[in-house]
PDB file of N, CA and C in Angstrom:
ATOM      1  N   UNK A   1       0.645  -1.315   0.026  1.00  0.00           N
ATOM      2  CA  UNK A   1       0.215  -0.179  -0.263  1.00  0.00           C
ATOM      3  C   UNK A   1       1.016   1.586  -0.146  1.00  0.00           C
ATOM      4  N   UNK A   2       0.366   2.533  -0.401  1.00  0.00           N
ATOM      5  CA  UNK A   2       1.079   3.682  -0.332  1.00  0.00           C
ATOM      6  C   UNK A   2       1.391   4.316   0.573  1.00  0.00           C
ATOM      7  N   UNK A   3       2.587   4.778   0.830  1.00  0.00           N
ATOM      8  CA  UNK A   3       2.326   5.197   2.194  1.00  0.00           C
ATOM      9  C   UNK A   3       2.340   7.257   1.991  1.00  0.00           C
ATOM     10  N   UNK A   4       1.066   7.410   2.669  1.00  0.00           N
ATOM     11  CA  UNK A   4       0.846   8.867   2.847  1.00  0.00           C
ATOM     12  C   UNK A   4       2.467  10.081   2.762  1.00  0.00           C
ATOM     13  N   UNK A   5       2.146  10.747   2.455  1.00  0.00           N
ATOM     14  CA  UNK A   5       3.249  11.728   2.726  1.00  0.00           C
ATOM     15  C   UNK A   5       2.645  13.392   3.104  1.00  0.00           C
ATOM     16  N   UNK A   6       3.398  14.180   3.593  1.00  0.00           N
ATOM     17  CA  UNK A   6       2.640  15.727   3.736  1.00  0.00           C
ATOM     18  C   UNK A   6       2.813  16.238   2.970  1.00  0.00           C
ATOM     19  N   UNK A   7       3.394  16.258   2.182  1.00  0.00           N
ATOM     20  CA  UNK A   7       2.708  17.117   1.114  1.00  0.00           C
ATOM     21  C   UNK A   7       2.656  16.236   0.405  1.00  0.00           C
ATOM     22  N   UNK A   8       1.082  16.721  -0.702  1.00  0.00           N
ATOM     23  CA  UNK A   8       0.726  16.044  -1.803  1.00  0.00           C
ATOM     24  C   UNK A   8       0.859  16.058  -3.020  1.00  0.00           C
ATOM     25  N   UNK A   9       1.387  14.279  -3.937  1.00  0.00           N
ATOM     26  CA  UNK A   9       2.131  15.187  -5.228  1.00  0.00           C
ATOM     27  C   UNK A   9       0.473  14.733  -6.090  1.00  0.00           C
ATOM     28  N   UNK A  10       0.779  16.518  -6.603  1.00  0.00           N
ATOM     29  CA  UNK A  10      -0.228  16.403  -7.613  1.00  0.00           C
ATOM     30  C   UNK A  10       0.099  16.496  -9.152  1.00  0.00           C
ATOM     31  N   UNK A  11       1.570  17.018  -9.487  1.00  0.00           N
ATOM     32  CA  UNK A  11       1.943  17.150 -10.417  1.00  0.00           C
ATOM     33  C   UNK A  11       2.238  16.577 -11.510  1.00  0.00           C
ATOM     34  N   UNK A  12       1.734  17.021 -12.600  1.00  0.00           N
ATOM     35  CA  UNK A  12       1.713  16.155 -13.875  1.00  0.00           C
ATOM     36  C   UNK A  12       0.362  14.896 -13.956  1.00  0.00           C
ATOM     37  N   UNK A  13      -0.680  15.860 -13.234  1.00  0.00           N
ATOM     38  CA  UNK A  13      -2.315  14.664 -12.964  1.00  0.00           C
ATOM     39  C   UNK A  13      -2.507  15.831 -14.554  1.00  0.00           C
ATOM     40  N   UNK A  14      -4.154  15.390 -14.998  1.00  0.00           N
ATOM     41  CA  UNK A  14      -4.487  15.805 -15.560  1.00  0.00           C
ATOM     42  C   UNK A  14      -6.304  14.872 -14.868  1.00  0.00           C
ATOM     43  N   UNK A  15      -6.818  15.898 -15.162  1.00  0.00           N
ATOM     44  CA  UNK A  15      -8.656  15.476 -15.057  1.00  0.00           C
ATOM     45  C   UNK A  15      -8.974  14.433 -16.375  1.00  0.00           C
ATOM     46  N   UNK A  16     -10.524  13.472 -16.365  1.00  0.00           N
ATOM     47  CA  UNK A  16     -10.499  12.838 -16.902  1.00  0.00           C
ATOM     48  C   UNK A  16     -11.735  12.693 -16.768  1.00  0.00           C
ATOM     49  N   UNK A  17     -13.191  13.059 -17.461  1.00  0.00           N
ATOM     50  CA  UNK A  17     -13.971  12.596 -17.498  1.00  0.00           C
ATOM     51  C   UNK A  17     -14.439  12.051 -18.917  1.00  0.00           C
ATOM     52  N   UNK A  18     -15.443  11.034 -18.438  1.00  0.00           N
ATOM     53  CA  UNK A  18     -16.013   9.697 -18.416  1.00  0.00           C
ATOM     54  C   UNK A  18     -17.575   9.663 -18.417  1.00  0.00           C
ATOM     55  N   UNK A  19     -17.805   9.739 -19.838  1.00  0.00           N
ATOM     56  CA  UNK A  19     -18.863   9.607 -19.909  1.00  0.00           C
ATOM     57  C   UNK A  19     -20.398   8.259 -19.844  1.00  0.00           C
ATOM     58  N   UNK A  20     -20.632   7.315 -18.808  1.00  0.00           N
ATOM     59  CA  UNK A  20     -21.548   6.292 -18.569  1.00  0.00           C
ATOM     60  C   UNK A  20     -22.759   6.223 -18.287  1.00  0.00           C
ATOM     61  N   UNK A  21     -23.458   5.664 -18.562  1.00  0.00           N
ATOM     62  CA  UNK A  21     -25.269   5.517 -18.657  1.00  0.00           C
ATOM     63  C   UNK A  21     -25.337   5.557 -17.141  1.00  0.00           C
ATOM     64  N   UNK A  22     -25.775   6.692 -17.450  1.00  0.00           N
ATOM     65  CA  UNK A  22     -26.301   6.443 -16.114  1.00  0.00           C
ATOM     66  C   UNK A  22     -26.609   4.752 -14.356  1.00  0.00           C
ATOM     67  N   UNK A  23     -26.963   4.312 -15.510  1.00  0.00           N
ATOM     68  CA  UNK A  23     -27.851   2.783 -14.350  1.00  0.00           C
ATOM     69  C   UNK A  23     -26.455   1.879 -14.042  1.00  0.00           C
ATOM     70  N   UNK A  24     -24.987   2.206 -14.954  1.00  0.00           N
ATOM     71  CA  UNK A  24     -23.405   1.934 -14.638  1.00  0.00           C
ATOM     72  C   UNK A  24     -22.878   3.212 -13.991  1.00  0.00           C
ATOM     73  N   UNK A  25     -23.862   3.602 -13.077  1.00  0.00           N
ATOM     74  CA  UNK A  25     -22.911   4.744 -12.428  1.00  0.00           C
ATOM     75  C   UNK A  25     -21.311   4.366 -12.032  1.00  0.00           C
ATOM     76  N   UNK A  26     -22.540   3.451 -10.547  1.00  0.00           N
ATOM     77  CA  UNK A  26     -22.075   3.441  -9.572  1.00  0.00           C
ATOM     78  C   UNK A  26     -21.063   2.504  -9.790  1.00  0.00           C
ATOM     79  N   UNK A  27     -20.686   0.940 -10.591  1.00  0.00           N
ATOM     80  CA  UNK A  27     -19.695  -0.267 -10.758  1.00  0.00           C
ATOM     81  C   UNK A  27     -19.133   1.168 -11.034  1.00  0.00           C
ATOM     82  N   UNK A  28     -18.964   1.807 -12.441  1.00  0.00           N
ATOM     83  CA  UNK A  28     -17.681   2.709 -13.147  1.00  0.00           C
ATOM     84  C   UNK A  28     -17.640   3.055 -11.462  1.00  0.00           C
ATOM     85  N   UNK A  29     -17.715   3.705 -10.602  1.00  0.00           N
ATOM     86  CA  UNK A  29     -17.208   4.925  -9.628  1.00  0.00           C
ATOM     87  C   UNK A  29     -16.757   4.022  -8.801  1.00  0.00           C
ATOM     88  N   UNK A  30     -16.872   2.805  -8.427  1.00  0.00           N
ATOM     89  CA  UNK A  30     -16.228   1.235  -7.888  1.00  0.00           C
ATOM     90  C   UNK A  30     -15.116   1.328  -8.230  1.00  0.00           C
ATOM     91  N   UNK A  31     -15.342   0.858  -9.587  1.00  0.00           N
ATOM     92  CA  UNK A  31     -13.895   0.786 -10.173  1.00  0.00           C
ATOM     93  C   UNK A  31     -13.668   1.373 -10.540  1.00  0.00           C
ATOM     94  N   UNK A  32     -13.423   2.582 -10.517  1.00  0.00           N
ATOM     95  CA  UNK A  32     -12.611   3.650 -10.797  1.00  0.00           C
ATOM     96  C   UNK A  32     -11.464   3.929  -9.248  1.00  0.00           C
ATOM     97  N   UNK A  33     -12.493   4.172  -7.812  1.00  0.00           N
ATOM     98  CA  UNK A  33     -11.764   4.557  -6.759  1.00  0.00           C
ATOM     99  C   UNK A  33     -11.231   3.609  -6.030  1.00  0.00           C
ATOM    100  N   UNK A  34     -11.838   1.929  -7.219  1.00  0.00           N
ATOM    101  CA  UNK A  34     -10.472   0.560  -7.375  1.00  0.00           C
ATOM    102  C   UNK A  34      -9.250   0.884  -7.258  1.00  0.00           C
ATOM    103  N   UNK A  35      -9.423   1.458  -8.625  1.00  0.00           N
ATOM    104  CA  UNK A  35      -7.847   1.371  -9.614  1.00  0.00           C
ATOM    105  C   UNK A  35      -7.280   2.749  -9.045  1.00  0.00           C
ATOM    106  N   UNK A  36      -7.706   3.853  -8.735  1.00  0.00           N
ATOM    107  CA  UNK A  36      -7.054   4.997  -8.355  1.00  0.00           C
ATOM    108  C   UNK A  36      -7.037   5.026  -6.729  1.00  0.00           C
ATOM    109  N   UNK A  37      -7.612   4.560  -5.709  1.00  0.00           N
ATOM    110  CA  UNK A  37      -7.153   4.746  -3.963  1.00  0.00           C
ATOM    111  C   UNK A  37      -8.047   5.584  -4.006  1.00  0.00           C
ATOM    112  N   UNK A  38      -8.785   6.627  -4.489  1.00  0.00           N
ATOM    113  CA  UNK A  38      -9.480   7.604  -4.609  1.00  0.00           C
ATOM    114  C   UNK A  38     -11.290   7.971  -5.234  1.00  0.00           C
ATOM    115  N   UNK A  39     -11.704   9.234  -4.005  1.00  0.00           N
ATOM    116  CA  UNK A  39     -12.732   8.652  -4.991  1.00  0.00           C
ATOM    117  C   UNK A  39     -13.178   9.635  -5.910  1.00  0.00           C
ATOM    118  N   UNK A  40     -13.918   8.830  -6.545  1.00  0.00           N
ATOM    119  CA  UNK A  40     -14.327   9.702  -8.347  1.00  0.00           C
ATOM    120  C   UNK A  40     -14.699  10.976  -7.862  1.00  0.00           C
ATOM    121  N   UNK A  41     -14.152  12.297  -8.494  1.00  0.00           N
ATOM    122  CA  UNK A  41     -14.863  14.156  -8.620  1.00  0.00           C
ATOM    123  C   UNK A  41     -15.803  13.974  -9.481  1.00  0.00           C
ATOM    124  N   UNK A  42     -16.980  14.449  -9.125  1.00  0.00           N
ATOM    125  CA  UNK A  42     -18.174  14.795  -9.737  1.00  0.00           C
ATOM    126  C   UNK A  42     -17.522  16.434 -10.681  1.00  0.00           C
ATOM    127  N   UNK A  43     -17.253  16.387 -11.760  1.00  0.00           N
ATOM    128  CA  UNK A  43     -16.625  17.909 -12.203  1.00  0.00           C
ATOM    129  C   UNK A  43     -16.445  17.717 -13.413  1.00  0.00           C
ATOM    130  N   UNK A  44     -17.913  18.575 -14.031  1.00  0.00           N
ATOM    131  CA  UNK A  44     -17.792  18.133 -15.638  1.00  0.00           C
ATOM    132  C   UNK A  44     -17.064  19.502 -16.063  1.00  0.00           C
ATOM    133  N   UNK A  45     -16.695  18.817 -17.377  1.00  0.00           N
ATOM    134  CA  UNK A  45     -16.010  20.249 -18.011  1.00  0.00           C
ATOM    135  C   UNK A  45     -15.812  20.646 -19.509  1.00  0.00           C
ATOM    136  N   UNK A  46     -16.368  21.035 -19.985  1.00  0.00           N
ATOM    137  CA  UNK A  46     -16.835  21.270 -21.588  1.00  0.00           C
ATOM    138  C   UNK A  46     -14.801  21.685 -21.934  1.00  0.00           C
ATOM    139  N   UNK A  47     -13.540  21.325 -21.681  1.00  0.00           N
ATOM    140  CA  UNK A  47     -12.336  20.794 -21.776  1.00  0.00           C
ATOM    141  C   UNK A  47     -12.202  20.439 -23.069  1.00  0.00           C
ATOM    142  N   UNK A  48     -11.118  19.553 -22.957  1.00  0.00           N
ATOM    143  CA  UNK A  48      -9.967  19.487 -24.008  1.00  0.00           C
ATOM    144  C   UNK A  48     -10.730  17.279 -23.859  1.00  0.00           C
ATOM    145  N   UNK A  49     -10.937  16.751 -24.243  1.00  0.00           N
ATOM    146  CA  UNK A  49     -11.381  15.682 -24.002  1.00  0.00           C
ATOM    147  C   UNK A  49     -10.233  14.071 -24.813  1.00  0.00           C
ATOM    148  N   UNK A  50     -10.505  12.900 -23.940  1.00  0.00           N
ATOM    149  CA  UNK A  50      -8.957  12.287 -24.428  1.00  0.00           C
ATOM    150  C   UNK A  50      -9.482  11.051 -24.705  1.00  0.00           C
ATOM    151  N   UNK A  51      -9.462   9.886 -25.681  1.00  0.00           N
ATOM    152  CA  UNK A  51      -9.553   8.742 -26.127  1.00  0.00           C
ATOM    153  C   UNK A  51      -9.089   7.885 -24.892  1.00  0.00           C
ATOM    154  N   UNK A  52      -9.744   6.778 -24.776  1.00  0.00           N
ATOM    155  CA  UNK A  52      -8.779   5.977 -23.567  1.00  0.00           C
ATOM    156  C   UNK A  52      -7.154   5.193 -24.131  1.00  0.00           C
ATOM    157  N   UNK A  53      -7.607   5.299 -25.536  1.00  0.00           N
ATOM    158  CA  UNK A  53      -5.652   4.964 -25.666  1.00  0.00           C
ATOM    159  C   UNK A  53      -4.680   6.044 -25.071  1.00  0.00           C
ATOM    160  N   UNK A  54      -5.372   7.511 -25.143  1.00  0.00           N
ATOM    161  CA  UNK A  54      -4.196   8.329 -24.369  1.00  0.00           C
ATOM    162  C   UNK A  54      -4.139   8.443 -23.389  1.00  0.00           C
ATOM    163  N   UNK A  55      -5.337   7.657 -22.658  1.00  0.00           N
ATOM    164  CA  UNK A  55      -5.212   7.855 -21.200  1.00  0.00           C
ATOM    165  C   UNK A  55      -4.211   7.090 -20.747  1.00  0.00           C
ATOM    166  N   UNK A  56      -4.681   5.886 -21.659  1.00  0.00           N
ATOM    167  CA  UNK A  56      -4.112   4.145 -21.501  1.00  0.00           C
ATOM    168  C   UNK A  56      -3.562   3.095 -22.085  1.00  0.00           C
ATOM    169  N   UNK A  57      -2.391   4.286 -22.407  1.00  0.00           N
ATOM    170  CA  UNK A  57      -1.317   3.812 -23.737  1.00  0.00           C
ATOM    171  C   UNK A  57      -1.144   2.105 -23.927  1.00  0.00           C
ATOM    172  N   UNK A  58      -0.761   1.813 -22.658  1.00  0.00           N
ATOM    173  CA  UNK A  58      -0.305   0.465 -22.382  1.00  0.00           C
ATOM    174  C   UNK A  58      -1.332  -0.409 -22.483  1.00  0.00           C
ATOM    175  N   UNK A  59      -2.451  -0.366 -21.889  1.00  0.00           N
ATOM    176  CA  UNK A  59      -4.409  -1.190 -22.004  1.00  0.00           C
ATOM    177  C   UNK A  59      -3.600  -1.659 -23.711  1.00  0.00           C
ATOM    178  N   UNK A  60      -4.099  -3.459 -23.059  1.00  0.00           N
ATOM    179  CA  UNK A  60      -4.146  -3.945 -24.061  1.00  0.00           C
ATOM    180  C   UNK A  60      -5.077  -5.143 -24.419  1.00  0.00           C
ATOM    181  N   UNK A  61      -5.274  -6.019 -25.276  1.00  0.00           N
ATOM    182  CA  UNK A  61      -6.338  -7.097 -24.637  1.00  0.00           C
ATOM    183  C   UNK A  61      -6.006  -8.239 -23.673  1.00  0.00           C
ATOM    184  N   UNK A  62      -4.931  -7.909 -22.959  1.00  0.00           N
ATOM    185  CA  UNK A  62      -4.941  -8.998 -21.780  1.00  0.00           C
ATOM    186  C   UNK A  62      -5.657  -8.560 -20.996  1.00  0.00           C
ATOM    187  N   UNK A  63      -5.579  -6.723 -20.460  1.00  0.00           N
ATOM    188  CA  UNK A  63      -5.816  -5.726 -19.845  1.00  0.00           C
ATOM    189  C   UNK A  63      -7.329  -6.210 -19.803  1.00  0.00           C
ATOM    190  N   UNK A  64      -8.447  -5.820 -20.739  1.00  0.00           N
ATOM    191  CA  UNK A  64      -9.442  -6.007 -21.486  1.00  0.00           C
ATOM    192  C   UNK A  64      -9.422  -6.971 -20.821  1.00  0.00           C
ATOM    193  N   UNK A  65      -9.385  -8.236 -21.230  1.00  0.00           N
ATOM    194  CA  UNK A  65      -9.523  -9.650 -20.980  1.00  0.00           C
ATOM    195  C   UNK A  65      -9.721  -9.811 -19.133  1.00  0.00           C
ATOM    196  N   UNK A  66      -8.648  -9.130 -18.542  1.00  0.00           N
ATOM    197  CA  UNK A  66      -8.726  -8.921 -17.087  1.00  0.00           C
ATOM    198  C   UNK A  66     -10.030  -8.207 -16.228  1.00  0.00           C
ATOM    199  N   UNK A  67      -9.942  -7.281 -17.196  1.00  0.00           N
ATOM    200  CA  UNK A  67     -11.272  -6.136 -16.637  1.00  0.00           C
ATOM    201  C   UNK A  67     -13.341  -6.819 -17.079  1.00  0.00           C
ATOM    202  N   UNK A  68     -12.989  -7.594 -18.184  1.00  0.00           N
ATOM    203  CA  UNK A  68     -13.946  -8.337 -17.960  1.00  0.00           C
ATOM    204  C   UNK A  68     -14.237  -9.176 -16.914  1.00  0.00           C
ATOM    205  N   UNK A  69     -13.077 -10.376 -17.414  1.00  0.00           N
ATOM    206  CA  UNK A  69     -13.181 -11.991 -16.038  1.00  0.00           C
ATOM    207  C   UNK A  69     -13.533 -10.901 -14.352  1.00  0.00           C
ATOM    208  N   UNK A  70     -13.215 -10.155 -14.374  1.00  0.00           N
ATOM    209  CA  UNK A  70     -13.237  -9.518 -12.872  1.00  0.00           C
ATOM    210  C   UNK A  70     -14.504  -9.200 -12.952  1.00  0.00           C
ATOM    211  N   UNK A  71     -14.601  -7.711 -14.424  1.00  0.00           N
ATOM    212  CA  UNK A  71     -16.230  -7.101 -13.996  1.00  0.00           C
ATOM    213  C   UNK A  71     -17.649  -8.819 -13.775  1.00  0.00           C
ATOM    214  N   UNK A  72     -17.084  -9.870 -14.126  1.00  0.00           N
ATOM    215  CA  UNK A  72     -18.333 -10.906 -14.012  1.00  0.00           C
ATOM    216  C   UNK A  72     -17.899 -11.775 -12.902  1.00  0.00           C
ATOM    217  N   UNK A  73     -16.676 -10.943 -11.842  1.00  0.00           N
ATOM    218  CA  UNK A  73     -16.553 -12.068 -10.529  1.00  0.00           C
ATOM    219  C   UNK A  73     -16.308 -12.909 -11.208  1.00  0.00           C
ATOM    220  N   UNK A  74     -14.796 -13.651 -11.596  1.00  0.00           N
ATOM    221  CA  UNK A  74     -14.602 -14.801 -12.339  1.00  0.00           C
ATOM    222  C   UNK A  74     -13.908 -15.130 -12.030  1.00  0.00           C
ATOM    223  N   UNK A  75     -13.136 -16.212 -12.046  1.00  0.00           N
ATOM    224  CA  UNK A  75     -11.971 -16.493 -11.338  1.00  0.00           C
ATOM    225  C   UNK A  75     -10.891 -17.080 -13.576  1.00  0.00           C
ATOM    226  N   UNK A  76      -9.721 -16.965 -13.325  1.00  0.00           N
ATOM    227  CA  UNK A  76      -9.077 -17.841 -14.165  1.00  0.00           C
ATOM    228  C   UNK A  76      -9.639 -19.254 -14.617  1.00  0.00           C
ATOM    229  N   UNK A  77      -9.768 -20.170 -13.399  1.00  0.00           N
ATOM    230  CA  UNK A  77      -9.555 -21.051 -13.659  1.00  0.00           C
ATOM    231  C   UNK A  77     -11.147 -21.638 -14.192  1.00  0.00           C
ATOM    232  N   UNK A  78     -12.583 -20.594 -13.641  1.00  0.00           N
ATOM    233  CA  UNK A  78     -13.697 -21.067 -13.757  1.00  0.00           C
ATOM    234  C   UNK A  78     -13.760 -19.930 -14.674  1.00  0.00           C
ATOM    235  N   UNK A  79     -13.152 -19.233 -15.436  1.00  0.00           N
ATOM    236  CA  UNK A  79     -13.153 -18.720 -17.223  1.00  0.00           C
ATOM    237  C   UNK A  79     -12.987 -19.833 -17.639  1.00  0.00           C
ATOM    238  N   UNK A  80     -11.426 -20.456 -17.436  1.00  0.00           N
ATOM    239  CA  UNK A  80     -10.723 -21.213 -18.760  1.00  0.00           C
ATOM    240  C   UNK A  80     -12.087 -22.722 -18.684  1.00  0.00           C
ATOM    241  N   UNK A  81     -12.659 -22.588 -17.834  1.00  0.00           N
ATOM    242  CA  UNK A  81     -13.712 -24.165 -17.835  1.00  0.00           C
ATOM    243  C   UNK A  81     -14.850 -23.692 -18.141  1.00  0.00           C
ATOM    244  N   UNK A  82     -15.085 -22.758 -18.224  1.00  0.00           N
ATOM    245  CA  UNK A  82     -16.380 -22.422 -19.247  1.00  0.00           C
ATOM    246  C   UNK A  82     -16.066 -22.148 -20.735  1.00  0.00           C
ATOM    247  N   UNK A  83     -14.341 -21.880 -20.967  1.00  0.00           N
ATOM    248  CA  UNK A  83     -14.721 -21.817 -22.347  1.00  0.00           C
ATOM    249  C   UNK A  83     -13.464 -22.768 -23.083  1.00  0.00           C
ATOM    250  N   UNK A  84     -13.017 -23.766 -22.331  1.00  0.00           N
ATOM    251  CA  UNK A  84     -12.826 -24.994 -22.569  1.00  0.00           C
ATOM    252  C   UNK A  84     -10.991 -25.087 -22.815  1.00  0.00           C
ATOM    253  N   UNK A  85     -10.316 -24.500 -21.933  1.00  0.00           N
ATOM    254  CA  UNK A  85      -8.928 -23.950 -22.325  1.00  0.00           C
ATOM    255  C   UNK A  85      -8.959 -23.904 -20.848  1.00  0.00           C
ATOM    256  N   UNK A  86      -7.290 -24.605 -20.638  1.00  0.00           N
ATOM    257  CA  UNK A  86      -5.824 -25.004 -19.764  1.00  0.00           C
ATOM    258  C   UNK A  86      -6.077 -23.001 -18.550  1.00  0.00           C
ATOM    259  N   UNK A  87      -6.393 -23.019 -17.873  1.00  0.00           N
ATOM    260  CA  UNK A  87      -6.020 -22.045 -16.460  1.00  0.00           C
ATOM    261  C   UNK A  87      -4.798 -21.712 -17.482  1.00  0.00           C
ATOM    262  N   UNK A  88      -3.902 -22.437 -17.548  1.00  0.00           N
ATOM    263  CA  UNK A  88      -2.590 -21.183 -17.601  1.00  0.00           C
ATOM    264  C   UNK A  88      -2.583 -20.380 -18.938  1.00  0.00           C
ATOM    265  N   UNK A  89      -3.437 -21.051 -19.947  1.00  0.00           N
ATOM    266  CA  UNK A  89      -3.548 -20.182 -21.701  1.00  0.00           C
ATOM    267  C   UNK A  89      -4.755 -18.787 -21.041  1.00  0.00           C
ATOM    268  N   UNK A  90      -5.530 -18.687 -19.919  1.00  0.00           N
ATOM    269  CA  UNK A  90      -6.255 -17.668 -19.563  1.00  0.00           C
ATOM    270  C   UNK A  90      -5.153 -16.052 -19.324  1.00  0.00           C
ATOM    271  N   UNK A  91      -3.974 -16.971 -18.010  1.00  0.00           N
ATOM    272  CA  UNK A  91      -3.129 -16.014 -17.845  1.00  0.00           C
ATOM    273  C   UNK A  91      -2.115 -15.727 -18.805  1.00  0.00           C
ATOM    274  N   UNK A  92      -1.585 -16.660 -19.467  1.00  0.00           N
ATOM    275  CA  UNK A  92      -0.643 -16.462 -20.401  1.00  0.00           C
ATOM    276  C   UNK A  92      -1.867 -14.990 -21.886  1.00  0.00           C
ATOM    277  N   UNK A  93      -2.566 -15.328 -21.596  1.00  0.00           N
ATOM    278  CA  UNK A  93      -3.744 -14.095 -22.294  1.00  0.00           C
ATOM    279  C   UNK A  93      -3.278 -12.596 -21.548  1.00  0.00           C
ATOM    280  N   UNK A  94      -3.451 -12.719 -20.752  1.00  0.00           N
ATOM    281  CA  UNK A  94      -4.364 -11.444 -19.667  1.00  0.00           C
ATOM    282  C   UNK A  94      -2.854 -10.406 -19.358  1.00  0.00           C
ATOM    283  N   UNK A  95      -1.741 -11.791 -19.305  1.00  0.00           N
ATOM    284  CA  UNK A  95      -0.182 -10.982 -19.271  1.00  0.00           C
ATOM    285  C   UNK A  95       0.483 -10.757 -20.699  1.00  0.00           C
ATOM    286  N   UNK A  96      -0.503 -11.425 -21.345  1.00  0.00           N
ATOM    287  CA  UNK A  96       0.278 -10.376 -23.373  1.00  0.00           C
ATOM    288  C   UNK A  96       1.057 -11.463 -24.197  1.00  0.00           C
ATOM    289  N   UNK A  97       1.134 -13.235 -23.044  1.00  0.00           N
ATOM    290  CA  UNK A  97       2.789 -13.840 -23.492  1.00  0.00           C
ATOM    291  C   UNK A  97       1.676 -14.939 -24.270  1.00  0.00           C
ATOM    292  N   UNK A  98       0.383 -14.587 -24.594  1.00  0.00           N
ATOM    293  CA  UNK A  98      -0.098 -14.814 -25.618  1.00  0.00           C
ATOM    294  C   UNK A  98      -1.135 -14.705 -26.754  1.00  0.00           C
ATOM    295  N   UNK A  99      -1.214 -14.774 -27.607  1.00  0.00           N
ATOM    296  CA  UNK A  99      -2.002 -14.088 -28.705  1.00  0.00           C
ATOM    297  C   UNK A  99      -3.719 -14.651 -27.793  1.00  0.00           C
ATOM    298  N   UNK A 100      -4.574 -13.509 -28.401  1.00  0.00           N
ATOM    299  CA  UNK A 100      -5.821 -13.925 -28.666  1.00  0.00           C
ATOM    300  C   UNK A 100      -6.273 -13.462 -30.117  1.00  0.00           C
ATOM    301  N   UNK A 101      -6.326 -14.662 -30.702  1.00  0.00           N
ATOM    302  CA  UNK A 101      -6.821 -15.369 -31.923  1.00  0.00           C
ATOM    303  C   UNK A 101      -8.380 -14.196 -32.097  1.00  0.00           C
ATOM    304  N   UNK A 102      -9.346 -14.537 -32.963  1.00  0.00           N
ATOM    305  CA  UNK A 102     -10.509 -14.286 -33.668  1.00  0.00           C
ATOM    306  C   UNK A 102     -11.258 -15.665 -32.909  1.00  0.00           C
ATOM    307  N   UNK A 103     -11.439 -16.756 -33.155  1.00  0.00           N
ATOM    308  CA  UNK A 103     -12.153 -17.309 -32.470  1.00  0.00           C
ATOM    309  C   UNK A 103     -11.964 -17.465 -30.473  1.00  0.00           C
ATOM    310  N   UNK A 104     -10.882 -17.713 -30.266  1.00  0.00           N
ATOM    311  CA  UNK A 104     -10.421 -16.887 -29.090  1.00  0.00           C
ATOM    312  C   UNK A 104     -11.362 -15.660 -28.071  1.00  0.00           C
ATOM    313  N   UNK A 105     -11.578 -14.843 -29.291  1.00  0.00           N
ATOM    314  CA  UNK A 105     -11.281 -13.714 -28.658  1.00  0.00           C
ATOM    315  C   UNK A 105     -13.436 -14.520 -29.003  1.00  0.00           C
ATOM    316  N   UNK A 106     -14.107 -14.920 -29.666  1.00  0.00           N
ATOM    317  CA  UNK A 106     -15.436 -14.961 -29.806  1.00  0.00           C
ATOM    318  C   UNK A 106     -15.817 -15.720 -28.742  1.00  0.00           C
ATOM    319  N   UNK A 107     -14.931 -16.963 -28.105  1.00  0.00           N
ATOM    320  CA  UNK A 107     -15.517 -17.966 -27.205  1.00  0.00           C
ATOM    321  C   UNK A 107     -15.590 -16.928 -25.488  1.00  0.00           C
ATOM    322  N   UNK A 108     -14.175 -16.091 -25.228  1.00  0.00           N
ATOM    323  CA  UNK A 108     -14.029 -15.213 -24.633  1.00  0.00           C
ATOM    324  C   UNK A 108     -15.135 -14.462 -24.638  1.00  0.00           C
ATOM    325  N   UNK A 109     -15.823 -14.003 -24.886  1.00  0.00           N
ATOM    326  CA  UNK A 109     -16.962 -12.758 -25.732  1.00  0.00           C
ATOM    327  C   UNK A 109     -18.529 -13.331 -25.035  1.00  0.00           C
ATOM    328  N   UNK A 110     -18.040 -14.715 -25.561  1.00  0.00           N
ATOM    329  CA  UNK A 110     -19.385 -15.366 -24.778  1.00  0.00           C
ATOM    330  C   UNK A 110     -19.681 -15.634 -23.467  1.00  0.00           C
ATOM    331  N   UNK A 111     -18.221 -16.032 -23.247  1.00  0.00           N
ATOM    332  CA  UNK A 111     -18.270 -16.516 -21.365  1.00  0.00           C
ATOM    333  C   UNK A 111     -18.432 -14.790 -20.984  1.00  0.00           C
ATOM    334  N   UNK A 112     -18.346 -14.201 -21.629  1.00  0.00           N
ATOM    335  CA  UNK A 112     -17.763 -12.582 -20.504  1.00  0.00           C
ATOM    336  C   UNK A 112     -19.140 -11.713 -20.480  1.00  0.00           C
ATOM    337  N   UNK A 113     -19.997 -12.038 -22.142  1.00  0.00           N
ATOM    338  CA  UNK A 113     -20.935 -10.996 -22.312  1.00  0.00           C
ATOM    339  C   UNK A 113     -21.110  -9.105 -22.605  1.00  0.00           C
ATOM    340  N   UNK A 114     -19.017  -9.640 -23.797  1.00  0.00           N
ATOM    341  CA  UNK A 114     -19.367  -7.874 -24.607  1.00  0.00           C
ATOM    342  C   UNK A 114     -18.187  -8.401 -25.620  1.00  0.00           C
ATOM    343  N   UNK A 115     -18.676  -7.576 -26.428  1.00  0.00           N
ATOM    344  CA  UNK A 115     -18.199  -7.407 -27.979  1.00  0.00           C
ATOM    345  C   UNK A 115     -16.768  -8.027 -27.763  1.00  0.00           C
ATOM    346  N   UNK A 116     -16.716  -9.464 -28.914  1.00  0.00           N
ATOM    347  CA  UNK A 116     -15.403  -9.726 -29.333  1.00  0.00           C
ATOM    348  C   UNK A 116     -13.873  -8.615 -29.746  1.00  0.00           C
ATOM    349  N   UNK A 117     -14.661  -8.125 -30.255  1.00  0.00           N
ATOM    350  CA  UNK A 117     -13.702  -6.982 -30.586  1.00  0.00           C
ATOM    351  C   UNK A 117     -12.742  -6.084 -29.315  1.00  0.00           C
ATOM    352  N   UNK A 118     -13.107  -6.286 -28.164  1.00  0.00           N
ATOM    353  CA  UNK A 118     -12.203  -5.376 -27.446  1.00  0.00           C
ATOM    354  C   UNK A 118     -11.391  -6.128 -26.592  1.00  0.00           C
ATOM    355  N   UNK A 119     -11.061  -7.267 -27.525  1.00  0.00           N
ATOM    356  CA  UNK A 119      -9.617  -8.738 -27.067  1.00  0.00           C
ATOM    357  C   UNK A 119      -9.465  -9.049 -28.505  1.00  0.00           C
ATOM    358  N   UNK A 120      -9.391  -7.905 -29.246  1.00  0.00           N
ATOM    359  CA  UNK A 120      -8.390  -8.109 -30.589  1.00  0.00           C
ATOM    360  C   UNK A 120      -7.818  -6.745 -30.645  1.00  0.00           C
TER     361      UNK A 120
END
């Protein structure tokens, strides 16, 4: 866990505004709070907007897989059993050591309830 400092570090930070359906607001807030360890601020501005790729340049198919799996509250073992592969394959895909092909993306999408293109 991060240690608190006497002087907060705010240099190099930007505000990010995300528009989500009201029905998913709590879920998105909880996810962001877990990711960043702080509550999300309700501040809407009509300034610059950024794409997901600009905000998270290193995010790839493995991150999307892990996020979708966690969102569905599934372990790697449960997901692997659902799509008929070994748990190690899920781990390798999440860590970028195994490519997620189109057919595998379709199987994952069916099990996780998301569009298969997020894994490509």
